[in-house]
Amino acid sequence: MASGSFNAWCKKYGAHQTKKYEYRNWNTELLEPIAKDIDEVWQAFDNNLAGPRDVCLNNLCGLVDGIETDLKGMLPLPGLSS
């Protein structure tokens, strides 16, 4: 590949089209053979994180609820007029 062609490919993120050639996205074409494999691995990874992610979210919500309860117990603050 000529350096000018490579530079154009990089600047256009793999997209290519001329009057003579219809639109092509070389990045997509290069990734198509492995996209299914990547998707399967990503889905398995995401599924394995679902449980810990939910536990973390529930713990965080519990902490925020506790802070809210503590703050409500402090109001109204002594010495402040309403």
PDB file of N, CA and C in Angstrom:
ATOM      1  N   MET A   1       0.859  -1.171   0.000  1.00  0.00           N
ATOM      2  CA  MET A   1       0.000   0.000   0.000  1.00  0.00           C
ATOM      3  C   MET A   1       0.903   1.231   0.000  1.00  0.00           C
ATOM      4  N   ALA A   2       0.614   2.137  -0.874  1.00  0.00           N
ATOM      5  CA  ALA A   2       1.385   3.380  -0.956  1.00  0.00           C
ATOM      6  C   ALA A   2       1.160   4.205   0.303  1.00  0.00           C
ATOM      7  N   SER A   3       2.173   4.989   0.685  1.00  0.00           N
ATOM      8  CA  SER A   3       2.063   5.763   1.929  1.00  0.00           C
ATOM      9  C   SER A   3       0.893   6.737   1.886  1.00  0.00           C
ATOM     10  N   GLY A   4       0.601   7.322   0.715  1.00  0.00           N
ATOM     11  CA  GLY A   4      -0.540   8.231   0.600  1.00  0.00           C
ATOM     12  C   GLY A   4      -1.854   7.509   0.824  1.00  0.00           C
ATOM     13  N   SER A   5      -1.950   6.280   0.325  1.00  0.00           N
ATOM     14  CA  SER A   5      -3.169   5.485   0.523  1.00  0.00           C
ATOM     15  C   SER A   5      -3.331   5.110   1.988  1.00  0.00           C
ATOM     16  N   PHE A   6      -2.218   4.722   2.622  1.00  0.00           N
ATOM     17  CA  PHE A   6      -2.271   4.361   4.035  1.00  0.00           C
ATOM     18  C   PHE A   6      -2.672   5.558   4.884  1.00  0.00           C
ATOM     19  N   ASN A   7      -2.104   6.720   4.596  1.00  0.00           N
ATOM     20  CA  ASN A   7      -2.451   7.934   5.335  1.00  0.00           C
ATOM     21  C   ASN A   7      -3.931   8.273   5.171  1.00  0.00           C
ATOM     22  N   ALA A   8      -4.440   8.149   3.956  1.00  0.00           N
ATOM     23  CA  ALA A   8      -5.857   8.429   3.712  1.00  0.00           C
ATOM     24  C   ALA A   8      -6.723   7.438   4.475  1.00  0.00           C
ATOM     25  N   TRP A   9      -6.314   6.188   4.496  1.00  0.00           N
ATOM     26  CA  TRP A   9      -7.065   5.154   5.215  1.00  0.00           C
ATOM     27  C   TRP A   9      -7.128   5.503   6.701  1.00  0.00           C
ATOM     28  N   CYS A  10      -6.007   5.915   7.270  1.00  0.00           N
ATOM     29  CA  CYS A  10      -5.976   6.270   8.696  1.00  0.00           C
ATOM     30  C   CYS A  10      -6.820   7.506   8.982  1.00  0.00           C
ATOM     31  N   LYS A  11      -6.701   8.533   8.143  1.00  0.00           N
ATOM     32  CA  LYS A  11      -7.441   9.770   8.366  1.00  0.00           C
ATOM     33  C   LYS A  11      -8.944   9.562   8.269  1.00  0.00           C
ATOM     34  N   LYS A  12      -9.365   8.608   7.454  1.00  0.00           N
ATOM     35  CA  LYS A  12     -10.804   8.382   7.251  1.00  0.00           C
ATOM     36  C   LYS A  12     -11.298   7.174   8.031  1.00  0.00           C
ATOM     37  N   TYR A  13     -10.500   6.708   8.996  1.00  0.00           N
ATOM     38  CA  TYR A  13     -10.878   5.597   9.872  1.00  0.00           C
ATOM     39  C   TYR A  13     -11.293   4.360   9.090  1.00  0.00           C
ATOM     40  N   GLY A  14     -10.588   4.071   8.017  1.00  0.00           N
ATOM     41  CA  GLY A  14     -10.844   2.854   7.251  1.00  0.00           C
ATOM     42  C   GLY A  14     -11.888   2.997   6.174  1.00  0.00           C
ATOM     43  N   ALA A  15     -12.569   4.107   6.100  1.00  0.00           N
ATOM     44  CA  ALA A  15     -13.606   4.309   5.081  1.00  0.00           C
ATOM     45  C   ALA A  15     -12.938   4.734   3.773  1.00  0.00           C
ATOM     46  N   HIS A  16     -13.449   4.212   2.677  1.00  0.00           N
ATOM     47  CA  HIS A  16     -12.854   4.522   1.380  1.00  0.00           C
ATOM     48  C   HIS A  16     -13.940   4.573   0.318  1.00  0.00           C
ATOM     49  N   GLN A  17     -13.872   5.594  -0.506  1.00  0.00           N
ATOM     50  CA  GLN A  17     -14.806   5.724  -1.621  1.00  0.00           C
ATOM     51  C   GLN A  17     -14.215   6.688  -2.640  1.00  0.00           C
ATOM     52  N   THR A  18     -14.330   6.320  -3.889  1.00  0.00           N
ATOM     53  CA  THR A  18     -13.911   7.212  -4.967  1.00  0.00           C
ATOM     54  C   THR A  18     -14.988   7.166  -6.042  1.00  0.00           C
ATOM     55  N   LYS A  19     -14.810   7.969  -7.065  1.00  0.00           N
ATOM     56  CA  LYS A  19     -15.758   7.923  -8.179  1.00  0.00           C
ATOM     57  C   LYS A  19     -15.750   6.540  -8.823  1.00  0.00           C
ATOM     58  N   LYS A  20     -14.590   5.922  -8.828  1.00  0.00           N
ATOM     59  CA  LYS A  20     -14.443   4.620  -9.471  1.00  0.00           C
ATOM     60  C   LYS A  20     -14.885   3.463  -8.557  1.00  0.00           C
ATOM     61  N   TYR A  21     -14.676   3.603  -7.240  1.00  0.00           N
ATOM     62  CA  TYR A  21     -14.968   2.521  -6.298  1.00  0.00           C
ATOM     63  C   TYR A  21     -16.054   2.937  -5.321  1.00  0.00           C
ATOM     64  N   GLU A  22     -17.005   2.026  -5.095  1.00  0.00           N
ATOM     65  CA  GLU A  22     -18.077   2.325  -4.141  1.00  0.00           C
ATOM     66  C   GLU A  22     -17.529   2.306  -2.708  1.00  0.00           C
ATOM     67  N   TYR A  23     -18.340   2.781  -1.772  1.00  0.00           N
ATOM     68  CA  TYR A  23     -17.949   2.904  -0.369  1.00  0.00           C
ATOM     69  C   TYR A  23     -17.566   1.550   0.209  1.00  0.00           C
ATOM     70  N   ARG A  24     -16.467   1.538   0.939  1.00  0.00           N
ATOM     71  CA  ARG A  24     -16.027   0.361   1.697  1.00  0.00           C
ATOM     72  C   ARG A  24     -15.477   0.844   3.028  1.00  0.00           C
ATOM     73  N   ASN A  25     -15.715   0.059   4.052  1.00  0.00           N
ATOM     74  CA  ASN A  25     -15.096   0.337   5.341  1.00  0.00           C
ATOM     75  C   ASN A  25     -14.167  -0.826   5.635  1.00  0.00           C
ATOM     76  N   TRP A  26     -12.884  -0.593   5.430  1.00  0.00           N
ATOM     77  CA  TRP A  26     -11.917  -1.667   5.580  1.00  0.00           C
ATOM     78  C   TRP A  26     -11.793  -2.126   7.027  1.00  0.00           C
ATOM     79  N   ASN A  27     -12.009  -1.252   7.985  1.00  0.00           N
ATOM     80  CA  ASN A  27     -11.969  -1.673   9.393  1.00  0.00           C
ATOM     81  C   ASN A  27     -13.038  -2.731   9.653  1.00  0.00           C
ATOM     82  N   THR A  28     -14.243  -2.476   9.159  1.00  0.00           N
ATOM     83  CA  THR A  28     -15.336  -3.433   9.330  1.00  0.00           C
ATOM     84  C   THR A  28     -15.008  -4.745   8.632  1.00  0.00           C
ATOM     85  N   GLU A  29     -14.503  -4.647   7.416  1.00  0.00           N
ATOM     86  CA  GLU A  29     -14.168  -5.850   6.666  1.00  0.00           C
ATOM     87  C   GLU A  29     -13.076  -6.668   7.361  1.00  0.00           C
ATOM     88  N   LEU A  30     -12.109  -5.993   7.953  1.00  0.00           N
ATOM     89  CA  LEU A  30     -11.044  -6.702   8.657  1.00  0.00           C
ATOM     90  C   LEU A  30     -11.544  -7.374   9.931  1.00  0.00           C
ATOM     91  N   LEU A  31     -12.517  -6.751  10.593  1.00  0.00           N
ATOM     92  CA  LEU A  31     -13.008  -7.285  11.867  1.00  0.00           C
ATOM     93  C   LEU A  31     -14.118  -8.324  11.723  1.00  0.00           C
ATOM     94  N   GLU A  32     -14.791  -8.358  10.586  1.00  0.00           N
ATOM     95  CA  GLU A  32     -15.916  -9.276  10.415  1.00  0.00           C
ATOM     96  C   GLU A  32     -15.584 -10.725  10.776  1.00  0.00           C
ATOM     97  N   PRO A  33     -14.445 -11.271  10.346  1.00  0.00           N
ATOM     98  CA  PRO A  33     -14.166 -12.683  10.663  1.00  0.00           C
ATOM     99  C   PRO A  33     -14.058 -12.975  12.162  1.00  0.00           C
ATOM    100  N   ILE A  34     -13.640 -12.001  12.953  1.00  0.00           N
ATOM    101  CA  ILE A  34     -13.481 -12.268  14.383  1.00  0.00           C
ATOM    102  C   ILE A  34     -14.583 -11.636  15.235  1.00  0.00           C
ATOM    103  N   ALA A  35     -15.473 -10.871  14.623  1.00  0.00           N
ATOM    104  CA  ALA A  35     -16.504 -10.161  15.387  1.00  0.00           C
ATOM    105  C   ALA A  35     -17.376 -11.115  16.192  1.00  0.00           C
ATOM    106  N   LYS A  36     -17.760 -12.242  15.615  1.00  0.00           N
ATOM    107  CA  LYS A  36     -18.610 -13.203  16.328  1.00  0.00           C
ATOM    108  C   LYS A  36     -17.877 -13.762  17.542  1.00  0.00           C
ATOM    109  N   ASP A  37     -16.609 -14.109  17.370  1.00  0.00           N
ATOM    110  CA  ASP A  37     -15.820 -14.635  18.492  1.00  0.00           C
ATOM    111  C   ASP A  37     -15.694 -13.597  19.600  1.00  0.00           C
ATOM    112  N   ILE A  38     -15.418 -12.361  19.216  1.00  0.00           N
ATOM    113  CA  ILE A  38     -15.291 -11.294  20.205  1.00  0.00           C
ATOM    114  C   ILE A  38     -16.619 -11.093  20.930  1.00  0.00           C
ATOM    115  N   ASP A  39     -17.719 -11.112  20.183  1.00  0.00           N
ATOM    116  CA  ASP A  39     -19.036 -10.922  20.785  1.00  0.00           C
ATOM    117  C   ASP A  39     -19.349 -12.028  21.779  1.00  0.00           C
ATOM    118  N   GLU A  40     -19.043 -13.271  21.435  1.00  0.00           N
ATOM    119  CA  GLU A  40     -19.310 -14.388  22.348  1.00  0.00           C
ATOM    120  C   GLU A  40     -18.496 -14.264  23.627  1.00  0.00           C
ATOM    121  N   VAL A  41     -17.231 -13.911  23.504  1.00  0.00           N
ATOM    122  CA  VAL A  41     -16.375 -13.748  24.686  1.00  0.00           C
ATOM    123  C   VAL A  41     -16.854 -12.569  25.527  1.00  0.00           C
ATOM    124  N   TRP A  42     -17.214 -11.463  24.868  1.00  0.00           N
ATOM    125  CA  TRP A  42     -17.685 -10.288  25.585  1.00  0.00           C
ATOM    126  C   TRP A  42     -18.977 -10.598  26.345  1.00  0.00           C
ATOM    127  N   GLN A  43     -19.887 -11.325  25.717  1.00  0.00           N
ATOM    128  CA  GLN A  43     -21.146 -11.678  26.378  1.00  0.00           C
ATOM    129  C   GLN A  43     -20.879 -12.546  27.601  1.00  0.00           C
ATOM    130  N   ALA A  44     -19.975 -13.512  27.485  1.00  0.00           N
ATOM    131  CA  ALA A  44     -19.632 -14.362  28.629  1.00  0.00           C
ATOM    132  C   ALA A  44     -19.023 -13.526  29.748  1.00  0.00           C
ATOM    133  N   PHE A  45     -18.135 -12.609  29.405  1.00  0.00           N
ATOM    134  CA  PHE A  45     -17.514 -11.718  30.386  1.00  0.00           C
ATOM    135  C   PHE A  45     -18.575 -10.876  31.092  1.00  0.00           C
ATOM    136  N   ASP A  46     -19.489 -10.290  30.305  1.00  0.00           N
ATOM    137  CA  ASP A  46     -20.554  -9.458  30.857  1.00  0.00           C
ATOM    138  C   ASP A  46     -21.476 -10.273  31.756  1.00  0.00           C
ATOM    139  N   ASN A  47     -21.800 -11.490  31.339  1.00  0.00           N
ATOM    140  CA  ASN A  47     -22.659 -12.357  32.153  1.00  0.00           C
ATOM    141  C   ASN A  47     -21.993 -12.711  33.476  1.00  0.00           C
ATOM    142  N   ASN A  48     -20.686 -12.938  33.458  1.00  0.00           N
ATOM    143  CA  ASN A  48     -19.968 -13.263  34.694  1.00  0.00           C
ATOM    144  C   ASN A  48     -19.917 -12.080  35.658  1.00  0.00           C
ATOM    145  N   LEU A  49     -20.002 -10.874  35.127  1.00  0.00           N
ATOM    146  CA  LEU A  49     -19.972  -9.682  35.976  1.00  0.00           C
ATOM    147  C   LEU A  49     -21.348  -9.291  36.502  1.00  0.00           C
ATOM    148  N   ALA A  50     -22.402  -9.859  35.952  1.00  0.00           N
ATOM    149  CA  ALA A  50     -23.760  -9.434  36.320  1.00  0.00           C
ATOM    150  C   ALA A  50     -24.013  -9.566  37.818  1.00  0.00           C
ATOM    151  N   GLY A  51     -23.677 -10.689  38.417  1.00  0.00           N
ATOM    152  CA  GLY A  51     -23.915 -10.891  39.849  1.00  0.00           C
ATOM    153  C   GLY A  51     -23.146  -9.911  40.714  1.00  0.00           C
ATOM    154  N   PRO A  52     -21.817  -9.861  40.574  1.00  0.00           N
ATOM    155  CA  PRO A  52     -21.043  -8.898  41.374  1.00  0.00           C
ATOM    156  C   PRO A  52     -21.455  -7.450  41.127  1.00  0.00           C
ATOM    157  N   ARG A  53     -21.807  -7.121  39.899  1.00  0.00           N
ATOM    158  CA  ARG A  53     -22.239  -5.756  39.582  1.00  0.00           C
ATOM    159  C   ARG A  53     -23.520  -5.430  40.350  1.00  0.00           C
ATOM    160  N   ASP A  54     -24.465  -6.359  40.374  1.00  0.00           N
ATOM    161  CA  ASP A  54     -25.717  -6.129  41.091  1.00  0.00           C
ATOM    162  C   ASP A  54     -25.489  -5.998  42.593  1.00  0.00           C
ATOM    163  N   VAL A  55     -24.601  -6.823  43.150  1.00  0.00           N
ATOM    164  CA  VAL A  55     -24.283  -6.738  44.583  1.00  0.00           C
ATOM    165  C   VAL A  55     -23.665  -5.379  44.896  1.00  0.00           C
ATOM    166  N   CYS A  56     -22.746  -4.940  44.073  1.00  0.00           N
ATOM    167  CA  CYS A  56     -22.100  -3.636  44.266  1.00  0.00           C
ATOM    168  C   CYS A  56     -23.127  -2.508  44.200  1.00  0.00           C
ATOM    169  N   LEU A  57     -24.004  -2.560  43.219  1.00  0.00           N
ATOM    170  CA  LEU A  57     -25.034  -1.535  43.074  1.00  0.00           C
ATOM    171  C   LEU A  57     -25.962  -1.518  44.289  1.00  0.00           C
ATOM    172  N   ASN A  58     -26.380  -2.683  44.753  1.00  0.00           N
ATOM    173  CA  ASN A  58     -27.250  -2.748  45.930  1.00  0.00           C
ATOM    174  C   ASN A  58     -26.554  -2.213  47.171  1.00  0.00           C
ATOM    175  N   ASN A  59     -25.270  -2.541  47.339  1.00  0.00           N
ATOM    176  CA  ASN A  59     -24.511  -2.017  48.486  1.00  0.00           C
ATOM    177  C   ASN A  59     -24.383  -0.508  48.415  1.00  0.00           C
ATOM    178  N   LEU A  60     -24.113   0.014  47.240  1.00  0.00           N
ATOM    179  CA  LEU A  60     -23.998   1.454  47.068  1.00  0.00           C
ATOM    180  C   LEU A  60     -25.322   2.150  47.366  1.00  0.00           C
ATOM    181  N   CYS A  61     -26.408   1.582  46.875  1.00  0.00           N
ATOM    182  CA  CYS A  61     -27.734   2.159  47.165  1.00  0.00           C
ATOM    183  C   CYS A  61     -28.021   2.138  48.659  1.00  0.00           C
ATOM    184  N   GLY A  62     -27.618   1.066  49.339  1.00  0.00           N
ATOM    185  CA  GLY A  62     -27.790   0.988  50.786  1.00  0.00           C
ATOM    186  C   GLY A  62     -27.007   2.073  51.511  1.00  0.00           C
ATOM    187  N   LEU A  63     -25.795   2.332  51.064  1.00  0.00           N
ATOM    188  CA  LEU A  63     -24.984   3.400  51.668  1.00  0.00           C
ATOM    189  C   LEU A  63     -25.629   4.766  51.474  1.00  0.00           C
ATOM    190  N   VAL A  64     -26.100   5.033  50.267  1.00  0.00           N
ATOM    191  CA  VAL A  64     -26.743   6.320  49.987  1.00  0.00           C
ATOM    192  C   VAL A  64     -28.017   6.464  50.813  1.00  0.00           C
ATOM    193  N   ASP A  65     -28.792   5.400  50.920  1.00  0.00           N
ATOM    194  CA  ASP A  65     -30.005   5.446  51.744  1.00  0.00           C
ATOM    195  C   ASP A  65     -29.660   5.717  53.207  1.00  0.00           C
ATOM    196  N   GLY A  66     -28.571   5.115  53.701  1.00  0.00           N
ATOM    197  CA  GLY A  66     -28.137   5.341  55.076  1.00  0.00           C
ATOM    198  C   GLY A  66     -27.717   6.784  55.310  1.00  0.00           C
ATOM    199  N   ILE A  67     -27.004   7.363  54.365  1.00  0.00           N
ATOM    200  CA  ILE A  67     -26.598   8.767  54.467  1.00  0.00           C
ATOM    201  C   ILE A  67     -27.829   9.663  54.477  1.00  0.00           C
ATOM    202  N   GLU A  68     -28.787   9.348  53.629  1.00  0.00           N
ATOM    203  CA  GLU A  68     -30.026  10.141  53.583  1.00  0.00           C
ATOM    204  C   GLU A  68     -30.750  10.083  54.927  1.00  0.00           C
ATOM    205  N   THR A  69     -30.832   8.908  55.505  1.00  0.00           N
ATOM    206  CA  THR A  69     -31.495   8.753  56.804  1.00  0.00           C
ATOM    207  C   THR A  69     -30.752   9.540  57.884  1.00  0.00           C
ATOM    208  N   ASP A  70     -29.423   9.457  57.894  1.00  0.00           N
ATOM    209  CA  ASP A  70     -28.626  10.196  58.874  1.00  0.00           C
ATOM    210  C   ASP A  70     -28.833  11.702  58.733  1.00  0.00           C
ATOM    211  N   LEU A  71     -28.836  12.191  57.478  1.00  0.00           N
ATOM    212  CA  LEU A  71     -29.022  13.627  57.261  1.00  0.00           C
ATOM    213  C   LEU A  71     -30.415  14.088  57.688  1.00  0.00           C
ATOM    214  N   LYS A  72     -31.416  13.278  57.424  1.00  0.00           N
ATOM    215  CA  LYS A  72     -32.772  13.649  57.837  1.00  0.00           C
ATOM    216  C   LYS A  72     -32.871  13.706  59.353  1.00  0.00           C
ATOM    217  N   GLY A  73     -32.107  12.849  60.048  1.00  0.00           N
ATOM    218  CA  GLY A  73     -32.115  12.861  61.505  1.00  0.00           C
ATOM    219  C   GLY A  73     -31.453  14.095  62.090  1.00  0.00           C
ATOM    220  N   MET A  74     -30.619  14.755  61.300  1.00  0.00           N
ATOM    221  CA  MET A  74     -29.921  15.951  61.773  1.00  0.00           C
ATOM    222  C   MET A  74     -30.732  17.230  61.543  1.00  0.00           C
ATOM    223  N   LEU A  75     -31.758  17.169  60.766  1.00  0.00           N
ATOM    224  CA  LEU A  75     -32.531  18.369  60.429  1.00  0.00           C
ATOM    225  C   LEU A  75     -33.710  18.511  61.365  1.00  0.00           C
ATOM    226  N   PRO A  76     -34.175  19.648  61.734  1.00  0.00           N
ATOM    227  CA  PRO A  76     -33.486  20.911  61.503  1.00  0.00           C
ATOM    228  C   PRO A  76     -32.292  21.038  62.427  1.00  0.00           C
ATOM    229  N   LEU A  77     -31.284  21.684  61.965  1.00  0.00           N
ATOM    230  CA  LEU A  77     -30.081  21.869  62.753  1.00  0.00           C
ATOM    231  C   LEU A  77     -30.311  22.945  63.794  1.00  0.00           C
ATOM    232  N   PRO A  78     -29.821  22.703  65.014  1.00  0.00           N
ATOM    233  CA  PRO A  78     -29.985  23.709  66.078  1.00  0.00           C
ATOM    234  C   PRO A  78     -29.296  25.022  65.697  1.00  0.00           C
ATOM    235  N   GLY A  79     -29.916  26.133  65.997  1.00  0.00           N
ATOM    236  CA  GLY A  79     -29.336  27.446  65.759  1.00  0.00           C
ATOM    237  C   GLY A  79     -29.648  28.017  64.394  1.00  0.00           C
ATOM    238  N   LEU A  80     -30.269  27.229  63.534  1.00  0.00           N
ATOM    239  CA  LEU A  80     -30.656  27.753  62.203  1.00  0.00           C
ATOM    240  C   LEU A  80     -32.138  28.033  62.213  1.00  0.00           C
ATOM    241  N   SER A  81     -32.488  29.209  61.748  1.00  0.00           N
ATOM    242  CA  SER A  81     -33.912  29.529  61.682  1.00  0.00           C
ATOM    243  C   SER A  81     -34.454  29.035  60.358  1.00  0.00           C
ATOM    244  N   SER A  82     -35.704  28.605  60.375  1.00  0.00           N
ATOM    245  CA  SER A  82     -36.325  28.079  59.167  1.00  0.00           C
ATOM    246  C   SER A  82     -37.084  29.137  58.437  1.00  0.00           C
TER     247      SER A  82
END
